[in-house]
Amino acid sequence: MNNYHHSNIVPFPHSRTESVSVIVDGWNVLLGAADGFGYSRRPLATFTLDMPRLADGVVARRRRAGRAVRIGIILGRHEGAANPAARAAQDAATRQWARDSRVTLIGPGMVPVGRATAEVATAGDRTTHTTVVPIRRYREEYGDAAVQQLLTQWTDDGLTDAAILLSADADHAGCVADIGSRRRTHVEVARWEWQASTLWQPGLWVHHLAPDLLDSVTTYRDPRKAA
């Protein structure tokens, strides 16, 4: 379900601190994070990311002083009947994120597939998971479209000075290029430094997020316990 809302944010053109919108491609960020803990992928069931804190960390690394004033998180969640443990973990994470008043949650839904799709492969899913989140057997339904719709909306409304897309998914390149060509809200991209991606173009600022940021936004959890 899409939970778009209209914000009362007022830009501050005369302030030295820029207002920033942050759009998080949830599964791309999570799957990328799972590769950042060492020599092997960490099971998704064993950690949770504090997405609002991650957004603040990215904004803090900009060359210009800024403040994240709204955060959009796009994350498809599994059906509870088919994957109760996965859904419980995802619900617990989204409840935590939603406690931050800046957060807009968008759930494009998950559908089963017979094999990993191009979208999942782009996110970096290379190994079969034996965790409560069997992502290889599912994909987001219109996940890319939801990310691009929110990115377009939040750059067209002019309510913030800049927008940052957290994703390594090259499928967003066309949308980012279109926004840049219209020269409205300034757009940047951020991804984990170990994520290979062609989501880049001349003039586009890309933040490469280091392990220290990952460590600072990670909470470890016991996958055997219900969320």
C-alpha atoms as a PDB file:
ATOM      1  CA  MET A   1       0.000   0.000   0.000  1.00  0.00           C
ATOM      2  CA  ASN A   2       1.290   3.423  -0.900  1.00  0.00           C
ATOM      3  CA  ASN A   3       1.265   5.936   1.933  1.00  0.00           C
ATOM      4  CA  TYR A   4       2.154   9.156   0.155  1.00  0.00           C
ATOM      5  CA  HIS A   5       1.399  12.329   2.041  1.00  0.00           C
ATOM      6  CA  HIS A   6       1.621  16.033   1.397  1.00  0.00           C
ATOM      7  CA  SER A   7       4.181  17.762   3.561  1.00  0.00           C
ATOM      8  CA  ASN A   8       4.057  21.209   5.114  1.00  0.00           C
ATOM      9  CA  ILE A   9       7.827  21.562   4.772  1.00  0.00           C
ATOM     10  CA  VAL A  10       8.942  25.068   3.875  1.00  0.00           C
ATOM     11  CA  PRO A  11      12.352  25.402   2.163  1.00  0.00           C
ATOM     12  CA  PHE A  12      14.910  27.707   3.719  1.00  0.00           C
ATOM     13  CA  PRO A  13      16.657  29.431   0.786  1.00  0.00           C
ATOM     14  CA  HIS A  14      18.515  31.884   3.012  1.00  0.00           C
ATOM     15  CA  SER A  15      19.768  29.324   5.497  1.00  0.00           C
ATOM     16  CA  ARG A  16      23.267  27.878   5.317  1.00  0.00           C
ATOM     17  CA  THR A  17      21.813  24.501   6.267  1.00  0.00           C
ATOM     18  CA  GLU A  18      20.057  22.870   3.321  1.00  0.00           C
ATOM     19  CA  SER A  19      16.864  20.871   3.686  1.00  0.00           C
ATOM     20  CA  VAL A  20      17.179  17.390   2.178  1.00  0.00           C
ATOM     21  CA  SER A  21      14.709  14.704   1.107  1.00  0.00           C
ATOM     22  CA  VAL A  22      16.025  11.138   1.380  1.00  0.00           C
ATOM     23  CA  ILE A  23      14.499   8.298  -0.650  1.00  0.00           C
ATOM     24  CA  VAL A  24      15.540   4.795   0.439  1.00  0.00           C
ATOM     25  CA  ASP A  25      15.329   1.822  -1.948  1.00  0.00           C
ATOM     26  CA  GLY A  26      14.794  -0.522   0.977  1.00  0.00           C
ATOM     27  CA  TRP A  27      15.710  -3.976  -0.306  1.00  0.00           C
ATOM     28  CA  ASN A  28      18.644  -2.666  -2.302  1.00  0.00           C
ATOM     29  CA  VAL A  29      20.037  -1.001   0.820  1.00  0.00           C
ATOM     30  CA  LEU A  30      19.375  -4.046   3.040  1.00  0.00           C
ATOM     31  CA  LEU A  31      20.845  -6.597   0.646  1.00  0.00           C
ATOM     32  CA  GLY A  32      23.830  -4.338   0.089  1.00  0.00           C
ATOM     33  CA  ALA A  33      24.298  -3.981   3.838  1.00  0.00           C
ATOM     34  CA  ALA A  34      24.312  -7.761   4.257  1.00  0.00           C
ATOM     35  CA  ASP A  35      27.490  -7.883   2.153  1.00  0.00           C
ATOM     36  CA  GLY A  36      29.294  -5.313   4.290  1.00  0.00           C
ATOM     37  CA  PHE A  37      30.002  -7.244   7.479  1.00  0.00           C
ATOM     38  CA  GLY A  38      33.133  -9.118   6.422  1.00  0.00           C
ATOM     39  CA  TYR A  39      34.046 -12.092   4.284  1.00  0.00           C
ATOM     40  CA  SER A  40      30.559 -13.558   3.879  1.00  0.00           C
ATOM     41  CA  ARG A  41      27.033 -12.264   3.599  1.00  0.00           C
ATOM     42  CA  ARG A  42      25.354 -11.784   6.962  1.00  0.00           C
ATOM     43  CA  PRO A  43      21.911 -13.416   7.233  1.00  0.00           C
ATOM     44  CA  LEU A  44      19.198 -10.796   6.960  1.00  0.00           C
ATOM     45  CA  ALA A  45      17.452 -12.283   9.984  1.00  0.00           C
ATOM     46  CA  THR A  46      20.317 -11.309  12.278  1.00  0.00           C
ATOM     47  CA  PHE A  47      20.341  -7.532  11.929  1.00  0.00           C
ATOM     48  CA  THR A  48      18.121  -4.502  11.490  1.00  0.00           C
ATOM     49  CA  LEU A  49      19.103  -1.147  10.031  1.00  0.00           C
ATOM     50  CA  ASP A  50      17.984   2.113  11.598  1.00  0.00           C
ATOM     51  CA  MET A  51      16.919   3.730   8.325  1.00  0.00           C
ATOM     52  CA  PRO A  52      16.242   7.245   9.702  1.00  0.00           C
ATOM     53  CA  ARG A  53      19.653   7.254  11.349  1.00  0.00           C
ATOM     54  CA  LEU A  54      21.187   6.033   8.087  1.00  0.00           C
ATOM     55  CA  ALA A  55      19.519   8.909   6.240  1.00  0.00           C
ATOM     56  CA  ASP A  56      20.931  11.373   8.771  1.00  0.00           C
ATOM     57  CA  GLY A  57      24.375   9.803   8.400  1.00  0.00           C
ATOM     58  CA  VAL A  58      24.305  10.199   4.635  1.00  0.00           C
ATOM     59  CA  VAL A  59      23.216  13.832   4.851  1.00  0.00           C
ATOM     60  CA  ALA A  60      25.972  14.508   7.391  1.00  0.00           C
ATOM     61  CA  ARG A  61      28.539  13.339   4.827  1.00  0.00           C
ATOM     62  CA  ARG A  62      27.519  15.923   2.222  1.00  0.00           C
ATOM     63  CA  ARG A  63      29.909  18.695   1.276  1.00  0.00           C
ATOM     64  CA  ARG A  64      27.187  21.209   2.100  1.00  0.00           C
ATOM     65  CA  ALA A  65      25.615  21.298   5.545  1.00  0.00           C
ATOM     66  CA  GLY A  66      22.164  19.777   5.444  1.00  0.00           C
ATOM     67  CA  ARG A  67      19.325  18.284   7.437  1.00  0.00           C
ATOM     68  CA  ALA A  68      17.100  15.377   6.425  1.00  0.00           C
ATOM     69  CA  VAL A  69      13.588  16.768   6.771  1.00  0.00           C
ATOM     70  CA  ARG A  70      11.675  13.885   5.159  1.00  0.00           C
ATOM     71  CA  ILE A  71      12.598  10.272   4.568  1.00  0.00           C
ATOM     72  CA  GLY A  72      10.789   7.938   2.188  1.00  0.00           C
ATOM     73  CA  ILE A  73      11.386   4.205   2.658  1.00  0.00           C
ATOM     74  CA  ILE A  74      10.170   1.838  -0.053  1.00  0.00           C
ATOM     75  CA  LEU A  75      10.154  -1.767   1.160  1.00  0.00           C
ATOM     76  CA  GLY A  76       7.988  -4.651   0.004  1.00  0.00           C
ATOM     77  CA  ARG A  77       6.945  -6.956   2.834  1.00  0.00           C
ATOM     78  CA  HIS A  78       6.169 -10.652   2.641  1.00  0.00           C
ATOM     79  CA  GLU A  79       2.660 -12.022   3.081  1.00  0.00           C
ATOM     80  CA  GLY A  80       2.159 -13.005   6.695  1.00  0.00           C
ATOM     81  CA  ALA A  81       0.375 -16.270   5.909  1.00  0.00           C
ATOM     82  CA  ALA A  82       3.113 -17.526   3.586  1.00  0.00           C
ATOM     83  CA  ASN A  83       6.131 -16.178   5.492  1.00  0.00           C
ATOM     84  CA  PRO A  84       5.102 -15.347   9.072  1.00  0.00           C
ATOM     85  CA  ALA A  85       8.639 -15.045  10.482  1.00  0.00           C
ATOM     86  CA  ALA A  86       9.813 -12.828   7.634  1.00  0.00           C
ATOM     87  CA  ARG A  87       6.740 -10.628   7.893  1.00  0.00           C
ATOM     88  CA  ALA A  88       7.093 -10.317  11.675  1.00  0.00           C
ATOM     89  CA  ALA A  89      10.704  -9.168  11.329  1.00  0.00           C
ATOM     90  CA  GLN A  90       9.796  -6.689   8.596  1.00  0.00           C
ATOM     91  CA  ASP A  91       6.827  -5.335  10.561  1.00  0.00           C
ATOM     92  CA  ALA A  92       9.035  -4.810  13.615  1.00  0.00           C
ATOM     93  CA  ALA A  93      11.577  -2.893  11.531  1.00  0.00           C
ATOM     94  CA  THR A  94       8.976  -0.684   9.855  1.00  0.00           C
ATOM     95  CA  ARG A  95       7.325   0.093  13.202  1.00  0.00           C
ATOM     96  CA  GLN A  96      10.694   1.263  14.484  1.00  0.00           C
ATOM     97  CA  TRP A  97      11.261   3.472  11.446  1.00  0.00           C
ATOM     98  CA  ALA A  98       7.742   4.920  11.613  1.00  0.00           C
ATOM     99  CA  ARG A  99       8.395   6.296  15.099  1.00  0.00           C
ATOM    100  CA  ASP A 100      10.373   9.023  13.344  1.00  0.00           C
ATOM    101  CA  SER A 101       7.848  11.635  12.209  1.00  0.00           C
ATOM    102  CA  ARG A 102       9.888  12.371   9.079  1.00  0.00           C
ATOM    103  CA  VAL A 103       9.324   8.884   7.674  1.00  0.00           C
ATOM    104  CA  THR A 104       6.921   7.935   4.891  1.00  0.00           C
ATOM    105  CA  LEU A 105       6.613   4.158   4.425  1.00  0.00           C
ATOM    106  CA  ILE A 106       5.651   2.711   1.057  1.00  0.00           C
ATOM    107  CA  GLY A 107       5.017  -1.023   0.664  1.00  0.00           C
ATOM    108  CA  PRO A 108       4.810  -2.082  -2.987  1.00  0.00           C
ATOM    109  CA  GLY A 109       4.085  -5.689  -2.000  1.00  0.00           C
ATOM    110  CA  MET A 110       5.933  -8.948  -2.649  1.00  0.00           C
ATOM    111  CA  VAL A 111       5.064 -11.619  -5.192  1.00  0.00           C
ATOM    112  CA  PRO A 112       6.537 -15.136  -5.498  1.00  0.00           C
ATOM    113  CA  VAL A 113       8.718 -15.995  -8.462  1.00  0.00           C
ATOM    114  CA  GLY A 114      10.309 -19.208  -9.675  1.00  0.00           C
ATOM    115  CA  ARG A 115      13.777 -17.703  -9.825  1.00  0.00           C
ATOM    116  CA  ALA A 116      15.613 -14.496  -8.937  1.00  0.00           C
ATOM    117  CA  THR A 117      14.505 -11.624 -11.142  1.00  0.00           C
ATOM    118  CA  ALA A 118      16.703  -9.013 -12.756  1.00  0.00           C
ATOM    119  CA  GLU A 119      15.594  -6.519 -10.103  1.00  0.00           C
ATOM    120  CA  VAL A 120      16.717  -8.804  -7.276  1.00  0.00           C
ATOM    121  CA  ALA A 121      19.973  -9.615  -9.051  1.00  0.00           C
ATOM    122  CA  THR A 122      20.663  -5.917  -9.446  1.00  0.00           C
ATOM    123  CA  ALA A 123      20.249  -5.544  -5.696  1.00  0.00           C
ATOM    124  CA  GLY A 124      23.099  -7.971  -5.243  1.00  0.00           C
ATOM    125  CA  ASP A 125      21.313 -11.181  -4.226  1.00  0.00           C
ATOM    126  CA  ARG A 126      23.853 -13.804  -5.271  1.00  0.00           C
ATOM    127  CA  THR A 127      23.370 -16.553  -2.710  1.00  0.00           C
ATOM    128  CA  THR A 128      20.424 -18.551  -1.464  1.00  0.00           C
ATOM    129  CA  HIS A 129      19.249 -17.323   1.935  1.00  0.00           C
ATOM    130  CA  THR A 130      18.554 -19.801   4.720  1.00  0.00           C
ATOM    131  CA  THR A 131      17.024 -17.040   6.840  1.00  0.00           C
ATOM    132  CA  VAL A 132      13.548 -15.837   7.642  1.00  0.00           C
ATOM    133  CA  VAL A 133      13.677 -13.591   4.566  1.00  0.00           C
ATOM    134  CA  PRO A 134      13.810 -15.864   1.491  1.00  0.00           C
ATOM    135  CA  ILE A 135      14.174 -12.965  -0.920  1.00  0.00           C
ATOM    136  CA  ARG A 136      15.315 -15.123  -3.850  1.00  0.00           C
ATOM    137  CA  ARG A 137      11.850 -16.642  -4.037  1.00  0.00           C
ATOM    138  CA  TYR A 138      10.086 -13.293  -3.982  1.00  0.00           C
ATOM    139  CA  ARG A 139      10.354  -9.926  -5.635  1.00  0.00           C
ATOM    140  CA  GLU A 140       8.849  -6.530  -5.015  1.00  0.00           C
ATOM    141  CA  GLU A 141       5.811  -5.778  -7.126  1.00  0.00           C
ATOM    142  CA  TYR A 142       6.495  -2.481  -8.906  1.00  0.00           C
ATOM    143  CA  GLY A 143       9.219  -1.628  -6.406  1.00  0.00           C
ATOM    144  CA  ASP A 144      11.318   0.361  -8.884  1.00  0.00           C
ATOM    145  CA  ALA A 145       8.245   2.296  -9.986  1.00  0.00           C
ATOM    146  CA  ALA A 146       7.435   3.223  -6.376  1.00  0.00           C
ATOM    147  CA  VAL A 147      10.987   4.479  -5.792  1.00  0.00           C
ATOM    148  CA  GLN A 148      10.971   6.560  -8.961  1.00  0.00           C
ATOM    149  CA  GLN A 149       7.495   7.934  -8.330  1.00  0.00           C
ATOM    150  CA  LEU A 150       8.453   9.219  -4.894  1.00  0.00           C
ATOM    151  CA  LEU A 151      11.801  10.567  -6.112  1.00  0.00           C
ATOM    152  CA  THR A 152      10.026  12.459  -8.893  1.00  0.00           C
ATOM    153  CA  GLN A 153       7.321  13.751  -6.559  1.00  0.00           C
ATOM    154  CA  TRP A 154       9.772  14.969  -3.948  1.00  0.00           C
ATOM    155  CA  THR A 155      11.993  16.711  -6.484  1.00  0.00           C
ATOM    156  CA  ASP A 156       9.090  18.299  -8.366  1.00  0.00           C
ATOM    157  CA  ASP A 157       7.401  19.837  -5.331  1.00  0.00           C
ATOM    158  CA  GLY A 158      10.393  22.060  -4.519  1.00  0.00           C
ATOM    159  CA  LEU A 159       9.934  21.687  -0.768  1.00  0.00           C
ATOM    160  CA  THR A 160      13.584  20.824  -0.118  1.00  0.00           C
ATOM    161  CA  ASP A 161      16.884  22.101  -1.443  1.00  0.00           C
ATOM    162  CA  ALA A 162      18.213  18.656  -2.345  1.00  0.00           C
ATOM    163  CA  ALA A 163      17.217  15.006  -2.608  1.00  0.00           C
ATOM    164  CA  ILE A 164      19.343  11.903  -2.088  1.00  0.00           C
ATOM    165  CA  LEU A 165      18.461   8.488  -3.500  1.00  0.00           C
ATOM    166  CA  LEU A 166      19.894   5.587  -1.492  1.00  0.00           C
ATOM    167  CA  SER A 167      20.267   2.823  -4.056  1.00  0.00           C
ATOM    168  CA  ALA A 168      22.762   1.056  -6.299  1.00  0.00           C
ATOM    169  CA  ASP A 169      20.058  -0.036  -8.745  1.00  0.00           C
ATOM    170  CA  ALA A 170      20.964   1.139 -12.249  1.00  0.00           C
ATOM    171  CA  ASP A 171      17.296   0.851 -13.243  1.00  0.00           C
ATOM    172  CA  HIS A 172      16.841   4.279 -11.633  1.00  0.00           C
ATOM    173  CA  ALA A 173      19.383   5.941 -13.943  1.00  0.00           C
ATOM    174  CA  GLY A 174      16.809   7.186 -16.437  1.00  0.00           C
ATOM    175  CA  CYS A 175      14.674   8.768 -13.727  1.00  0.00           C
ATOM    176  CA  VAL A 176      17.694  10.456 -12.127  1.00  0.00           C
ATOM    177  CA  ALA A 177      18.829  11.778 -15.509  1.00  0.00           C
ATOM    178  CA  ASP A 178      15.358  13.133 -16.269  1.00  0.00           C
ATOM    179  CA  ILE A 179      15.203  14.962 -12.941  1.00  0.00           C
ATOM    180  CA  GLY A 180      18.673  16.398 -13.506  1.00  0.00           C
ATOM    181  CA  SER A 181      17.764  17.639 -16.976  1.00  0.00           C
ATOM    182  CA  ARG A 182      14.812  19.587 -15.593  1.00  0.00           C
ATOM    183  CA  ARG A 183      17.134  21.340 -13.115  1.00  0.00           C
ATOM    184  CA  ARG A 184      14.653  21.534 -10.280  1.00  0.00           C
ATOM    185  CA  THR A 185      15.721  20.030  -6.969  1.00  0.00           C
ATOM    186  CA  HIS A 186      19.406  19.079  -6.764  1.00  0.00           C
ATOM    187  CA  VAL A 187      19.765  15.262  -6.798  1.00  0.00           C
ATOM    188  CA  GLU A 188      22.494  13.046  -5.349  1.00  0.00           C
ATOM    189  CA  VAL A 189      22.882   9.271  -5.026  1.00  0.00           C
ATOM    190  CA  ALA A 190      24.281   7.189  -2.157  1.00  0.00           C
ATOM    191  CA  ARG A 191      25.221   3.500  -1.955  1.00  0.00           C
ATOM    192  CA  TRP A 192      27.456   1.191   0.063  1.00  0.00           C
ATOM    193  CA  GLU A 193      31.042   1.486  -1.157  1.00  0.00           C
ATOM    194  CA  TRP A 194      31.225  -2.263  -1.902  1.00  0.00           C
ATOM    195  CA  GLN A 195      28.179  -2.195  -4.193  1.00  0.00           C
ATOM    196  CA  ALA A 196      29.109  -2.236  -7.878  1.00  0.00           C
ATOM    197  CA  SER A 197      26.741  -0.066  -9.883  1.00  0.00           C
ATOM    198  CA  THR A 198      26.385   1.885 -13.100  1.00  0.00           C
ATOM    199  CA  LEU A 199      23.972   4.320 -11.460  1.00  0.00           C
ATOM    200  CA  TRP A 200      26.131   7.292 -12.340  1.00  0.00           C
ATOM    201  CA  GLN A 201      26.316  10.076 -14.914  1.00  0.00           C
ATOM    202  CA  PRO A 202      28.478  13.168 -15.433  1.00  0.00           C
ATOM    203  CA  GLY A 203      27.716  15.783 -12.824  1.00  0.00           C
ATOM    204  CA  LEU A 204      25.927  13.375 -10.462  1.00  0.00           C
ATOM    205  CA  TRP A 205      27.375  13.344  -6.950  1.00  0.00           C
ATOM    206  CA  VAL A 206      27.610   9.798  -5.542  1.00  0.00           C
ATOM    207  CA  HIS A 207      28.216   9.139  -1.843  1.00  0.00           C
ATOM    208  CA  HIS A 208      30.087   5.874  -1.185  1.00  0.00           C
ATOM    209  CA  LEU A 209      29.035   4.740   2.277  1.00  0.00           C
ATOM    210  CA  ALA A 210      31.734   3.105   4.388  1.00  0.00           C
ATOM    211  CA  PRO A 211      31.578   0.258   6.947  1.00  0.00           C
ATOM    212  CA  ASP A 212      31.747   2.676   9.873  1.00  0.00           C
ATOM    213  CA  LEU A 213      28.374   4.120   8.886  1.00  0.00           C
ATOM    214  CA  LEU A 214      26.906   0.634   8.545  1.00  0.00           C
ATOM    215  CA  ASP A 215      28.148  -0.286  12.018  1.00  0.00           C
ATOM    216  CA  SER A 216      26.638   2.860  13.512  1.00  0.00           C
ATOM    217  CA  VAL A 217      23.116   2.139  12.200  1.00  0.00           C
ATOM    218  CA  THR A 218      23.010  -1.636  12.790  1.00  0.00           C
ATOM    219  CA  THR A 219      21.144  -3.425  15.567  1.00  0.00           C
ATOM    220  CA  TYR A 220      21.849  -7.131  15.921  1.00  0.00           C
ATOM    221  CA  ARG A 221      18.942  -9.440  16.665  1.00  0.00           C
ATOM    222  CA  ASP A 222      18.300 -13.093  17.505  1.00  0.00           C
ATOM    223  CA  PRO A 223      16.475 -14.668  14.523  1.00  0.00           C
ATOM    224  CA  ARG A 224      15.031 -17.348  16.792  1.00  0.00           C
ATOM    225  CA  LYS A 225      12.960 -14.793  18.676  1.00  0.00           C
ATOM    226  CA  ALA A 226       9.723 -13.436  17.320  1.00  0.00           C
ATOM    227  CA  ALA A 227       9.810  -9.744  16.447  1.00  0.00           C
END
